[in-house]
């Protein structure tokens, strides 16, 4: 572009040179000026044509080639930048997709962990309730056995007291058969009274 401008400016200057020379020699005869001006004009045109031809054959292809190479280089750089931008956009989309997948996977893991936690808590609760029920049943069985043993001890003690009292009242010794009969009657009576309460 600069070479074209320089070539154009040189040609204009070459054409304007005879006119400037004519004005410098303004005092000469008019016919001589016209003849000199015409000669200078033709010479300037010939010099311009030769210079233009030489430049167009030698310099212009190099200039054109340089401009074309520069244009291609700029075009290639623009294409490379566009490819890099597209690649970066794709990488960003892939990253965002991977990030969304990772977030979804993490959320699924959290949800699964929460569900597992709820299941374990429910399982532990059921197990604890079963253990409590078993302990309660065992305690009730133990209490019932202790109650029966206490009642049996109480019956035996009551029988002994009753026998002692009866022997004192009767002032005689109660034999074993009498004692057994009195104990059984006392136990039966005590059981009836206990069942009513």
N, C-alpha and C. Protein backbone atom coordinates (compact mmCIF):
# COMPACT_ATOMS: atom_id res chain seq x y z
N UNK A 1 0.84 -1.19 0.00
CA UNK A 1 0.00 0.00 0.00
C UNK A 1 0.87 1.24 0.00
N UNK A 2 1.92 1.25 0.84
CA UNK A 2 2.83 2.40 0.88
C UNK A 2 3.59 2.53 -0.44
N UNK A 3 3.92 1.38 -1.04
CA UNK A 3 4.67 1.41 -2.31
C UNK A 3 3.84 2.03 -3.41
N UNK A 4 2.58 1.72 -3.45
CA UNK A 4 1.69 2.32 -4.46
C UNK A 4 1.62 3.83 -4.28
N UNK A 5 1.48 4.24 -3.03
CA UNK A 5 1.40 5.67 -2.75
C UNK A 5 2.70 6.36 -3.16
N UNK A 6 3.83 5.74 -2.85
CA UNK A 6 5.14 6.31 -3.20
C UNK A 6 5.29 6.38 -4.71
N UNK A 7 4.88 5.34 -5.43
CA UNK A 7 4.96 5.32 -6.89
C UNK A 7 4.08 6.41 -7.49
N UNK A 8 2.88 6.57 -6.95
CA UNK A 8 1.97 7.59 -7.45
C UNK A 8 2.54 8.99 -7.18
N UNK A 9 3.08 9.21 -6.01
CA UNK A 9 3.65 10.53 -5.66
C UNK A 9 4.85 10.83 -6.55
N UNK A 10 5.67 9.83 -6.85
CA UNK A 10 6.84 10.04 -7.71
C UNK A 10 6.40 10.42 -9.12
N UNK A 11 5.39 9.74 -9.61
CA UNK A 11 4.92 10.06 -10.97
C UNK A 11 4.32 11.46 -11.03
N UNK A 12 3.59 11.88 -10.03
CA UNK A 12 3.01 13.23 -10.01
C UNK A 12 4.14 14.26 -9.95
N UNK A 13 5.13 13.96 -9.11
CA UNK A 13 6.25 14.89 -8.99
C UNK A 13 7.02 14.98 -10.32
N UNK A 14 7.16 13.83 -11.00
CA UNK A 14 7.85 13.82 -12.30
C UNK A 14 7.08 14.63 -13.33
N UNK A 15 5.77 14.59 -13.31
CA UNK A 15 4.96 15.38 -14.24
C UNK A 15 4.96 16.85 -13.87
N UNK A 16 5.03 17.14 -12.60
CA UNK A 16 4.97 18.53 -12.17
C UNK A 16 6.32 19.23 -12.32
N UNK A 17 7.41 18.49 -12.41
CA UNK A 17 8.75 19.09 -12.50
C UNK A 17 8.89 19.99 -13.71
N UNK A 18 8.44 19.59 -14.91
CA UNK A 18 8.58 20.51 -16.07
C UNK A 18 7.78 21.80 -15.89
N UNK A 19 6.64 21.71 -15.24
CA UNK A 19 5.85 22.93 -15.04
C UNK A 19 6.57 23.89 -14.10
N UNK A 20 7.18 23.33 -13.08
CA UNK A 20 7.93 24.19 -12.15
C UNK A 20 9.14 24.81 -12.84
N UNK A 21 9.77 24.05 -13.72
CA UNK A 21 10.92 24.57 -14.45
C UNK A 21 10.47 25.67 -15.40
N UNK A 22 9.32 25.53 -15.98
CA UNK A 22 8.81 26.54 -16.91
C UNK A 22 8.53 27.83 -16.19
N UNK A 23 8.02 27.74 -15.00
CA UNK A 23 7.75 28.96 -14.26
C UNK A 23 9.03 29.62 -13.80
N UNK A 24 10.03 28.83 -13.55
CA UNK A 24 11.31 29.39 -13.14
C UNK A 24 11.93 30.17 -14.30
N UNK A 25 11.78 29.71 -15.51
CA UNK A 25 12.33 30.40 -16.69
C UNK A 25 11.27 31.18 -17.43
N UNK A 26 10.44 31.90 -16.77
CA UNK A 26 9.29 32.59 -17.32
C UNK A 26 9.70 33.74 -18.27
N UNK A 27 10.86 34.23 -18.16
CA UNK A 27 11.26 35.37 -18.98
C UNK A 27 11.60 35.00 -20.40
N UNK A 28 11.75 33.75 -20.78
CA UNK A 28 12.14 33.32 -22.11
C UNK A 28 10.99 33.50 -23.09
N UNK A 29 11.31 33.27 -24.33
CA UNK A 29 10.29 33.45 -25.36
C UNK A 29 9.23 32.38 -25.24
N UNK A 30 8.05 32.73 -25.64
CA UNK A 30 6.91 31.85 -25.50
C UNK A 30 7.07 30.61 -26.36
N UNK A 31 7.57 30.74 -27.55
CA UNK A 31 7.70 29.58 -28.41
C UNK A 31 8.75 28.63 -27.86
N UNK A 32 9.79 29.19 -27.36
CA UNK A 32 10.84 28.35 -26.78
C UNK A 32 10.30 27.62 -25.56
N UNK A 33 9.50 28.31 -24.74
CA UNK A 33 8.93 27.71 -23.54
C UNK A 33 8.01 26.57 -23.93
N UNK A 34 7.21 26.79 -24.95
CA UNK A 34 6.29 25.74 -25.35
C UNK A 34 7.05 24.54 -25.88
N UNK A 35 8.12 24.82 -26.64
CA UNK A 35 8.90 23.72 -27.19
C UNK A 35 9.62 22.96 -26.07
N UNK A 36 10.19 23.71 -25.14
CA UNK A 36 10.89 23.09 -24.02
C UNK A 36 9.89 22.35 -23.14
N UNK A 37 8.75 22.96 -22.92
CA UNK A 37 7.74 22.32 -22.08
C UNK A 37 7.25 21.03 -22.72
N UNK A 38 7.06 21.02 -24.00
CA UNK A 38 6.60 19.83 -24.68
C UNK A 38 7.67 18.75 -24.61
N UNK A 39 8.92 19.14 -24.81
CA UNK A 39 10.02 18.19 -24.74
C UNK A 39 10.14 17.61 -23.33
N UNK A 40 10.06 18.49 -22.38
CA UNK A 40 10.15 18.02 -20.99
C UNK A 40 8.96 17.13 -20.62
N UNK A 41 7.82 17.48 -21.15
CA UNK A 41 6.63 16.68 -20.86
C UNK A 41 6.78 15.27 -21.43
N UNK A 42 7.24 15.20 -22.70
CA UNK A 42 7.42 13.90 -23.34
C UNK A 42 8.50 13.12 -22.61
N UNK A 43 9.57 13.81 -22.22
CA UNK A 43 10.66 13.13 -21.50
C UNK A 43 10.16 12.62 -20.15
N UNK A 44 9.37 13.42 -19.47
CA UNK A 44 8.83 13.00 -18.17
C UNK A 44 7.92 11.79 -18.33
N UNK A 45 7.11 11.80 -19.38
CA UNK A 45 6.21 10.68 -19.63
C UNK A 45 7.03 9.43 -19.92
N UNK A 46 8.09 9.57 -20.75
CA UNK A 46 8.92 8.42 -21.05
C UNK A 46 9.63 7.90 -19.81
N UNK A 47 10.17 8.81 -19.00
CA UNK A 47 10.84 8.39 -17.76
C UNK A 47 9.83 7.72 -16.84
N UNK A 48 8.66 8.29 -16.75
CA UNK A 48 7.62 7.70 -15.91
C UNK A 48 7.25 6.31 -16.41
N UNK A 49 7.06 6.17 -17.72
CA UNK A 49 6.69 4.88 -18.29
C UNK A 49 7.77 3.84 -18.04
N UNK A 50 9.04 4.24 -18.27
CA UNK A 50 10.14 3.30 -18.05
C UNK A 50 10.22 2.92 -16.57
N UNK A 51 10.13 3.93 -15.72
CA UNK A 51 10.19 3.67 -14.27
C UNK A 51 9.01 2.79 -13.84
N UNK A 52 7.86 3.08 -14.39
CA UNK A 52 6.68 2.28 -14.03
C UNK A 52 6.85 0.84 -14.48
N UNK A 53 7.37 0.67 -15.73
CA UNK A 53 7.57 -0.67 -16.25
C UNK A 53 8.60 -1.44 -15.41
N UNK A 54 9.72 -0.77 -15.14
CA UNK A 54 10.78 -1.42 -14.36
C UNK A 54 10.26 -1.78 -12.96
N UNK A 55 9.58 -0.84 -12.34
CA UNK A 55 9.04 -1.11 -11.00
C UNK A 55 7.97 -2.19 -11.03
N UNK A 56 7.12 -2.17 -12.07
CA UNK A 56 6.06 -3.18 -12.13
C UNK A 56 6.63 -4.56 -12.40
N UNK A 57 7.77 -4.64 -13.10
CA UNK A 57 8.38 -5.93 -13.38
C UNK A 57 9.22 -6.41 -12.19
N UNK A 58 9.95 -5.53 -11.57
CA UNK A 58 10.87 -5.95 -10.52
C UNK A 58 10.30 -5.79 -9.11
N UNK A 59 9.84 -4.62 -8.77
CA UNK A 59 9.44 -4.34 -7.39
C UNK A 59 7.99 -4.75 -7.11
N UNK A 60 7.12 -4.52 -8.05
CA UNK A 60 5.70 -4.76 -7.77
C UNK A 60 5.40 -6.23 -7.44
N UNK A 61 5.95 -7.23 -8.13
CA UNK A 61 5.67 -8.62 -7.74
C UNK A 61 6.14 -8.92 -6.31
N UNK A 62 7.31 -8.39 -5.94
CA UNK A 62 7.79 -8.61 -4.57
C UNK A 62 6.87 -7.93 -3.56
N UNK A 63 6.47 -6.70 -3.89
CA UNK A 63 5.56 -5.97 -3.00
C UNK A 63 4.22 -6.71 -2.91
N UNK A 64 3.71 -7.12 -4.07
CA UNK A 64 2.44 -7.84 -4.10
C UNK A 64 2.54 -9.16 -3.34
N UNK A 65 3.68 -9.87 -3.55
CA UNK A 65 3.88 -11.13 -2.84
C UNK A 65 3.96 -10.89 -1.33
N UNK A 66 4.68 -9.86 -0.91
CA UNK A 66 4.78 -9.53 0.52
C UNK A 66 3.42 -9.19 1.11
N UNK A 67 2.66 -8.38 0.35
CA UNK A 67 1.32 -8.03 0.83
C UNK A 67 0.42 -9.27 0.91
N UNK A 68 0.53 -10.13 -0.11
CA UNK A 68 -0.28 -11.34 -0.11
C UNK A 68 0.12 -12.26 1.05
N UNK A 69 1.43 -12.41 1.26
CA UNK A 69 1.90 -13.23 2.38
C UNK A 69 1.44 -12.66 3.72
N UNK A 70 1.53 -11.35 3.83
CA UNK A 70 1.08 -10.71 5.08
C UNK A 70 -0.42 -10.92 5.28
N UNK A 71 -1.17 -10.76 4.18
CA UNK A 71 -2.62 -10.97 4.27
C UNK A 71 -2.93 -12.41 4.67
N UNK A 72 -2.22 -13.37 4.05
CA UNK A 72 -2.42 -14.78 4.40
C UNK A 72 -2.04 -15.05 5.86
N UNK A 73 -0.94 -14.46 6.28
CA UNK A 73 -0.49 -14.65 7.67
C UNK A 73 -1.54 -14.11 8.64
N UNK A 74 -2.04 -12.92 8.35
CA UNK A 74 -3.07 -12.32 9.22
C UNK A 74 -4.33 -13.18 9.19
N UNK A 75 -4.73 -13.64 8.00
CA UNK A 75 -5.91 -14.49 7.88
C UNK A 75 -5.72 -15.79 8.68
N UNK A 76 -4.53 -16.40 8.54
CA UNK A 76 -4.25 -17.63 9.29
C UNK A 76 -4.26 -17.39 10.80
N UNK A 77 -3.70 -16.26 11.22
CA UNK A 77 -3.71 -15.94 12.65
C UNK A 77 -5.13 -15.73 13.16
N UNK A 78 -5.95 -15.08 12.33
CA UNK A 78 -7.35 -14.87 12.72
C UNK A 78 -8.07 -16.22 12.80
N UNK A 79 -7.82 -17.09 11.81
CA UNK A 79 -8.45 -18.42 11.84
C UNK A 79 -7.97 -19.23 13.05
N UNK A 80 -6.66 -19.13 13.34
CA UNK A 80 -6.12 -19.86 14.50
C UNK A 80 -6.73 -19.32 15.79
N UNK A 81 -6.88 -17.99 15.86
CA UNK A 81 -7.49 -17.40 17.05
C UNK A 81 -8.95 -17.83 17.17
N UNK A 82 -9.64 -17.90 16.04
CA UNK A 82 -11.05 -18.34 16.06
C UNK A 82 -11.14 -19.80 16.49
N UNK A 83 -10.23 -20.64 15.97
CA UNK A 83 -10.21 -22.05 16.38
C UNK A 83 -9.91 -22.17 17.87
N UNK A 84 -8.95 -21.37 18.34
CA UNK A 84 -8.60 -21.40 19.77
C UNK A 84 -9.79 -20.96 20.61
N UNK A 85 -10.51 -19.93 20.14
CA UNK A 85 -11.69 -19.47 20.87
C UNK A 85 -12.75 -20.56 20.92
N UNK A 86 -12.99 -21.21 19.76
CA UNK A 86 -13.98 -22.29 19.72
C UNK A 86 -13.55 -23.44 20.63
N UNK A 87 -12.25 -23.76 20.58
CA UNK A 87 -11.73 -24.83 21.45
C UNK A 87 -11.91 -24.46 22.92
N UNK A 88 -11.63 -23.20 23.25
CA UNK A 88 -11.80 -22.75 24.63
C UNK A 88 -13.27 -22.81 25.03
N UNK A 89 -14.16 -22.41 24.10
CA UNK A 89 -15.60 -22.48 24.39
C UNK A 89 -16.03 -23.93 24.63
N UNK A 90 -15.53 -24.84 23.79
CA UNK A 90 -15.87 -26.26 23.96
C UNK A 90 -15.32 -26.79 25.28
N UNK A 91 -14.08 -26.39 25.60
CA UNK A 91 -13.48 -26.82 26.87
C UNK A 91 -14.29 -26.29 28.05
N UNK A 92 -14.74 -25.04 27.93
CA UNK A 92 -15.55 -24.46 29.00
C UNK A 92 -16.88 -25.21 29.13
N UNK A 93 -17.50 -25.53 27.99
CA UNK A 93 -18.76 -26.28 28.03
C UNK A 93 -18.54 -27.67 28.65
N UNK A 94 -17.43 -28.32 28.24
CA UNK A 94 -17.11 -29.64 28.82
C UNK A 94 -16.89 -29.53 30.32
N UNK A 95 -16.17 -28.47 30.72
CA UNK A 95 -15.90 -28.27 32.15
C UNK A 95 -17.21 -28.04 32.91
N UNK A 96 -18.07 -27.19 32.35
CA UNK A 96 -19.35 -26.92 33.01
C UNK A 96 -20.21 -28.19 33.07
N UNK A 97 -20.16 -28.99 32.00
CA UNK A 97 -20.91 -30.25 31.99
C UNK A 97 -20.36 -31.20 33.05
N UNK A 98 -19.04 -31.31 33.09
CA UNK A 98 -18.41 -32.18 34.10
C UNK A 98 -18.72 -31.70 35.50
N UNK A 99 -18.69 -30.39 35.68
CA UNK A 99 -18.99 -29.82 36.99
C UNK A 99 -20.44 -30.12 37.38
N UNK A 100 -21.36 -29.97 36.42
CA UNK A 100 -22.77 -30.27 36.71
C UNK A 100 -22.95 -31.76 37.03
N UNK A 101 -22.25 -32.62 36.27
CA UNK A 101 -22.33 -34.06 36.55
C UNK A 101 -21.77 -34.38 37.93
N UNK A 102 -20.64 -33.73 38.27
CA UNK A 102 -20.04 -33.97 39.59
C UNK A 102 -20.97 -33.50 40.70
N UNK A 103 -21.60 -32.35 40.47
CA UNK A 103 -22.55 -31.85 41.48
C UNK A 103 -23.74 -32.80 41.62
N UNK A 104 -24.25 -33.28 40.49
CA UNK A 104 -25.38 -34.21 40.54
C UNK A 104 -24.97 -35.51 41.23
N UNK A 105 -23.75 -35.98 40.93
CA UNK A 105 -23.27 -37.21 41.57
C UNK A 105 -23.08 -37.00 43.07
N UNK A 106 -22.53 -35.85 43.44
CA UNK A 106 -22.35 -35.55 44.86
C UNK A 106 -23.71 -35.46 45.56
N UNK A 107 -24.68 -34.82 44.91
CA UNK A 107 -26.02 -34.72 45.50
C UNK A 107 -26.65 -36.10 45.64
N UNK A 108 -26.45 -36.95 44.62
CA UNK A 108 -26.98 -38.31 44.70
C UNK A 108 -26.33 -39.07 45.85
N UNK A 109 -25.03 -38.87 46.02
CA UNK A 109 -24.34 -39.54 47.14
C UNK A 109 -24.86 -39.03 48.48
N UNK A 110 -25.09 -37.72 48.55
CA UNK A 110 -25.63 -37.14 49.79
C UNK A 110 -27.02 -37.70 50.06
N UNK A 111 -27.85 -37.74 49.01
CA UNK A 111 -29.21 -38.28 49.17
C UNK A 111 -29.16 -39.75 49.58
N UNK A 112 -28.26 -40.51 48.96
CA UNK A 112 -28.13 -41.92 49.29
C UNK A 112 -27.67 -42.08 50.74
N UNK A 113 -26.71 -41.24 51.15
CA UNK A 113 -26.22 -41.31 52.52
C UNK A 113 -27.32 -40.97 53.51
N UNK A 114 -28.11 -39.94 53.18
CA UNK A 114 -29.23 -39.58 54.06
C UNK A 114 -30.24 -40.72 54.15
N UNK A 115 -30.55 -41.32 53.00
CA UNK A 115 -31.51 -42.44 53.00
C UNK A 115 -30.95 -43.61 53.81
N UNK A 116 -29.66 -43.88 53.65
CA UNK A 116 -29.03 -44.96 54.41
C UNK A 116 -29.06 -44.64 55.90
N UNK A 117 -28.81 -43.37 56.21
CA UNK A 117 -28.84 -42.94 57.62
C UNK A 117 -30.24 -43.12 58.21
N UNK A 118 -31.25 -42.72 57.46
CA UNK A 118 -32.64 -42.88 57.92
C UNK A 118 -32.95 -44.37 58.11
N UNK A 119 -32.50 -45.20 57.15
CA UNK A 119 -32.74 -46.64 57.25
C UNK A 119 -32.05 -47.23 58.48
N UNK A 120 -30.79 -46.82 58.71
CA UNK A 120 -30.04 -47.35 59.86
C UNK A 120 -30.70 -46.91 61.16
N UNK A 121 -31.12 -45.64 61.21
CA UNK A 121 -31.79 -45.14 62.43
C UNK A 121 -33.08 -45.92 62.67
N UNK A 122 -33.86 -46.14 61.61
CA UNK A 122 -35.11 -46.90 61.77
C UNK A 122 -34.81 -48.33 62.20
N UNK A 123 -33.78 -48.92 61.60
CA UNK A 123 -33.40 -50.29 61.97
C UNK A 123 -32.95 -50.35 63.43
N UNK A 124 -32.16 -49.38 63.85
CA UNK A 124 -31.70 -49.34 65.24
C UNK A 124 -32.88 -49.13 66.19
N UNK A 125 -33.82 -48.29 65.76
CA UNK A 125 -34.99 -48.04 66.59
C UNK A 125 -35.80 -49.33 66.78
N UNK A 126 -36.02 -50.05 65.66
CA UNK A 126 -36.76 -51.31 65.74
C UNK A 126 -36.01 -52.31 66.62
N UNK A 127 -34.69 -52.36 66.44
CA UNK A 127 -33.88 -53.28 67.25
C UNK A 127 -33.95 -52.91 68.73
N UNK A 128 -33.84 -51.60 69.01
CA UNK A 128 -33.91 -51.14 70.41
C UNK A 128 -35.28 -51.44 71.00
N UNK A 129 -36.33 -51.20 70.21
CA UNK A 129 -37.68 -51.49 70.71
C UNK A 129 -37.85 -52.99 70.98
N UNK A 130 -37.28 -53.83 70.10
CA UNK A 130 -37.36 -55.28 70.31
C UNK A 130 -36.60 -55.68 71.57
N UNK A 131 -35.41 -55.07 71.75
CA UNK A 131 -34.63 -55.37 72.95
C UNK A 131 -35.36 -54.91 74.21
N UNK A 132 -35.97 -53.73 74.12
CA UNK A 132 -36.74 -53.22 75.28
C UNK A 132 -37.91 -54.14 75.57
N UNK A 133 -38.60 -54.58 74.52
CA UNK A 133 -39.74 -55.49 74.71
C UNK A 133 -39.27 -56.81 75.32
N UNK A 134 -38.12 -57.30 74.84
CA UNK A 134 -37.57 -58.54 75.38
C UNK A 134 -37.16 -58.35 76.84
N UNK A 135 -36.52 -57.20 77.13
CA UNK A 135 -36.13 -56.91 78.51
C UNK A 135 -37.36 -56.78 79.40
N UNK A 136 -38.40 -56.15 78.86
CA UNK A 136 -39.64 -55.99 79.63
C UNK A 136 -40.26 -57.36 79.92
N UNK A 137 -40.30 -58.20 78.88
CA UNK A 137 -40.87 -59.55 79.07
C UNK A 137 -40.04 -60.33 80.08
N UNK A 138 -38.70 -60.21 79.95
CA UNK A 138 -37.82 -60.91 80.90
C UNK A 138 -38.02 -60.38 82.31
N UNK A 139 -38.14 -59.05 82.42
CA UNK A 139 -38.36 -58.45 83.74
C UNK A 139 -39.70 -58.90 84.32
N UNK A 140 -40.73 -58.91 83.46
CA UNK A 140 -42.04 -59.36 83.94
C UNK A 140 -41.99 -60.82 84.38
N UNK A 141 -41.26 -61.63 83.60
CA UNK A 141 -41.11 -63.04 83.98
C UNK A 141 -40.38 -63.17 85.31
N UNK A 142 -39.29 -62.37 85.44
CA UNK A 142 -38.52 -62.40 86.70
C UNK A 142 -39.37 -61.91 87.86
N UNK A 143 -40.13 -60.85 87.60
CA UNK A 143 -41.00 -60.30 88.65
C UNK A 143 -42.04 -61.34 89.03
N UNK A 144 -42.63 -61.99 88.03
CA UNK A 144 -43.65 -63.00 88.30
C UNK A 144 -43.05 -64.17 89.09
N UNK A 145 -41.83 -64.60 88.69
CA UNK A 145 -41.17 -65.71 89.41
C UNK A 145 -40.85 -65.29 90.84
N UNK A 146 -40.35 -64.04 90.99
CA UNK A 146 -40.04 -63.55 92.34
C UNK A 146 -41.31 -63.45 93.17
N UNK A 147 -42.38 -63.02 92.50
CA UNK A 147 -43.66 -62.89 93.21
C UNK A 147 -44.15 -64.27 93.67
N UNK A 148 -44.04 -65.25 92.77
CA UNK A 148 -44.47 -66.60 93.13
C UNK A 148 -43.61 -67.16 94.27
N UNK A 149 -42.29 -66.90 94.17
CA UNK A 149 -41.40 -67.38 95.24
C UNK A 149 -41.73 -66.69 96.55
N UNK A 150 -41.99 -65.37 96.47
CA UNK A 150 -42.33 -64.62 97.69
C UNK A 150 -43.65 -65.13 98.26
N UNK A 151 -44.61 -65.38 97.37
CA UNK A 151 -45.91 -65.89 97.83
C UNK A 151 -45.73 -67.27 98.45
N UNK A 152 -44.91 -68.10 97.79
CA UNK A 152 -44.67 -69.44 98.32
C UNK A 152 -43.99 -69.36 99.68
N UNK A 153 -42.98 -68.46 99.79
CA UNK A 153 -42.32 -68.27 101.09
C UNK A 153 -43.31 -67.74 102.12
N UNK A 154 -44.15 -66.85 101.66
CA UNK A 154 -45.15 -66.28 102.56
C UNK A 154 -46.12 -67.36 103.03
N UNK A 155 -46.53 -68.23 102.09
CA UNK A 155 -47.41 -69.34 102.48
C UNK A 155 -46.73 -70.23 103.51
N UNK A 156 -45.47 -70.55 103.25
CA UNK A 156 -44.75 -71.43 104.18
C UNK A 156 -44.63 -70.78 105.55
N UNK A 157 -44.30 -69.49 105.55
CA UNK A 157 -44.18 -68.75 106.82
C UNK A 157 -45.54 -68.67 107.50
N UNK A 158 -46.56 -68.40 106.71
CA UNK A 158 -47.91 -68.32 107.27
C UNK A 158 -48.32 -69.67 107.84
N UNK A 159 -47.96 -70.73 107.15
CA UNK A 159 -48.29 -72.07 107.63
C UNK A 159 -47.58 -72.36 108.94
N UNK A 160 -46.31 -71.95 108.99
CA UNK A 160 -45.55 -72.17 110.23
C UNK A 160 -46.16 -71.38 111.37
N UNK A 161 -46.52 -70.13 111.07
CA UNK A 161 -47.13 -69.29 112.11
C UNK A 161 -48.48 -69.87 112.51
N UNK A 162 -49.25 -70.29 111.54
CA UNK A 162 -50.57 -70.85 111.83
C UNK A 162 -50.44 -72.13 112.63
N UNK A 163 -49.47 -72.95 112.29
CA UNK A 163 -49.25 -74.19 113.02
C UNK A 163 -48.84 -73.91 114.45
N UNK A 164 -47.97 -72.97 114.57
CA UNK A 164 -47.52 -72.59 115.92
C UNK A 164 -48.68 -72.06 116.73
N UNK A 165 -49.48 -71.21 116.09
CA UNK A 165 -50.62 -70.64 116.80
C UNK A 165 -51.63 -71.72 117.12
N UNK A 166 -51.87 -72.61 116.20
CA UNK A 166 -52.85 -73.67 116.43
C UNK A 166 -52.37 -74.61 117.52
N UNK A 167 -51.09 -74.91 117.53
CA UNK A 167 -50.61 -75.82 118.58
C UNK A 167 -50.66 -75.16 119.94
N UNK A 168 -50.48 -73.87 119.95
CA UNK A 168 -50.60 -73.18 121.23
C UNK A 168 -52.05 -73.17 121.66
N UNK A 169 -52.92 -72.96 120.68
CA UNK A 169 -54.33 -72.92 121.03
C UNK A 169 -54.79 -74.30 121.47
N UNK A 170 -54.43 -75.26 120.81
CA UNK A 170 -54.88 -76.60 121.12
C UNK A 170 -54.03 -77.23 122.23
N UNK A 171 -52.98 -76.67 122.48
CA UNK A 171 -52.05 -77.13 123.49
C UNK A 171 -51.67 -78.57 123.22
N UNK A 172 -51.54 -78.82 122.09
CA UNK A 172 -51.07 -80.14 121.77
C UNK A 172 -50.23 -80.07 120.51
N UNK A 173 -49.58 -81.13 120.26
CA UNK A 173 -48.72 -81.21 119.10
C UNK A 173 -49.61 -81.59 117.92
N UNK A 174 -49.36 -80.86 116.78
CA UNK A 174 -50.12 -81.17 115.57
C UNK A 174 -49.24 -82.10 114.75
N UNK A 175 -49.82 -83.21 114.34
CA UNK A 175 -49.02 -84.13 113.55
C UNK A 175 -48.87 -83.62 112.12
N UNK A 176 -48.11 -84.33 111.38
CA UNK A 176 -47.76 -83.86 110.04
C UNK A 176 -48.97 -83.84 109.13
N UNK A 177 -49.85 -84.75 109.19
CA UNK A 177 -51.04 -84.79 108.35
C UNK A 177 -51.94 -83.62 108.69
N UNK A 178 -52.10 -83.34 109.98
CA UNK A 178 -52.91 -82.19 110.37
C UNK A 178 -52.25 -80.89 109.87
N UNK A 179 -50.97 -80.87 110.02
CA UNK A 179 -50.25 -79.66 109.61
C UNK A 179 -50.43 -79.43 108.11
N UNK A 180 -50.32 -80.48 107.32
CA UNK A 180 -50.46 -80.36 105.87
C UNK A 180 -51.86 -79.91 105.53
N UNK A 181 -52.87 -80.44 106.17
CA UNK A 181 -54.25 -80.07 105.91
C UNK A 181 -54.48 -78.62 106.26
N UNK A 182 -53.97 -78.18 107.41
CA UNK A 182 -54.14 -76.78 107.83
C UNK A 182 -53.43 -75.84 106.84
N UNK A 183 -52.23 -76.23 106.40
CA UNK A 183 -51.47 -75.40 105.45
C UNK A 183 -52.22 -75.30 104.15
N UNK A 184 -52.73 -76.40 103.64
CA UNK A 184 -53.44 -76.38 102.36
C UNK A 184 -54.70 -75.54 102.46
N UNK A 185 -55.41 -75.65 103.57
CA UNK A 185 -56.60 -74.82 103.76
C UNK A 185 -56.22 -73.35 103.84
N UNK A 186 -55.14 -73.05 104.54
CA UNK A 186 -54.69 -71.65 104.66
C UNK A 186 -54.26 -71.10 103.30
N UNK A 187 -53.55 -71.93 102.56
CA UNK A 187 -53.08 -71.49 101.22
C UNK A 187 -54.27 -71.26 100.32
N UNK A 188 -55.23 -72.16 100.34
CA UNK A 188 -56.41 -72.01 99.49
C UNK A 188 -57.15 -70.73 99.86
N UNK A 189 -57.29 -70.49 101.14
CA UNK A 189 -57.97 -69.28 101.59
C UNK A 189 -57.18 -68.03 101.19
N UNK A 190 -55.87 -68.10 101.34
CA UNK A 190 -55.02 -66.96 100.99
C UNK A 190 -55.07 -66.71 99.49
N UNK A 191 -55.08 -67.76 98.70
CA UNK A 191 -55.13 -67.63 97.25
C UNK A 191 -56.44 -67.00 96.82
N UNK A 192 -57.55 -67.38 97.45
CA UNK A 192 -58.85 -66.77 97.13
C UNK A 192 -58.84 -65.29 97.46
N UNK A 193 -58.30 -64.98 98.63
CA UNK A 193 -58.24 -63.56 99.03
C UNK A 193 -57.33 -62.76 98.08
N UNK A 194 -56.24 -63.39 97.68
CA UNK A 194 -55.28 -62.69 96.79
C UNK A 194 -55.86 -62.51 95.40
N UNK A 195 -56.61 -63.49 94.91
CA UNK A 195 -57.22 -63.41 93.59
C UNK A 195 -58.29 -62.34 93.55
N UNK A 196 -58.99 -62.12 94.65
CA UNK A 196 -60.02 -61.08 94.70
C UNK A 196 -59.41 -59.68 94.65
N UNK A 197 -58.24 -59.55 95.27
CA UNK A 197 -57.61 -58.23 95.30
C UNK A 197 -56.84 -58.05 94.03
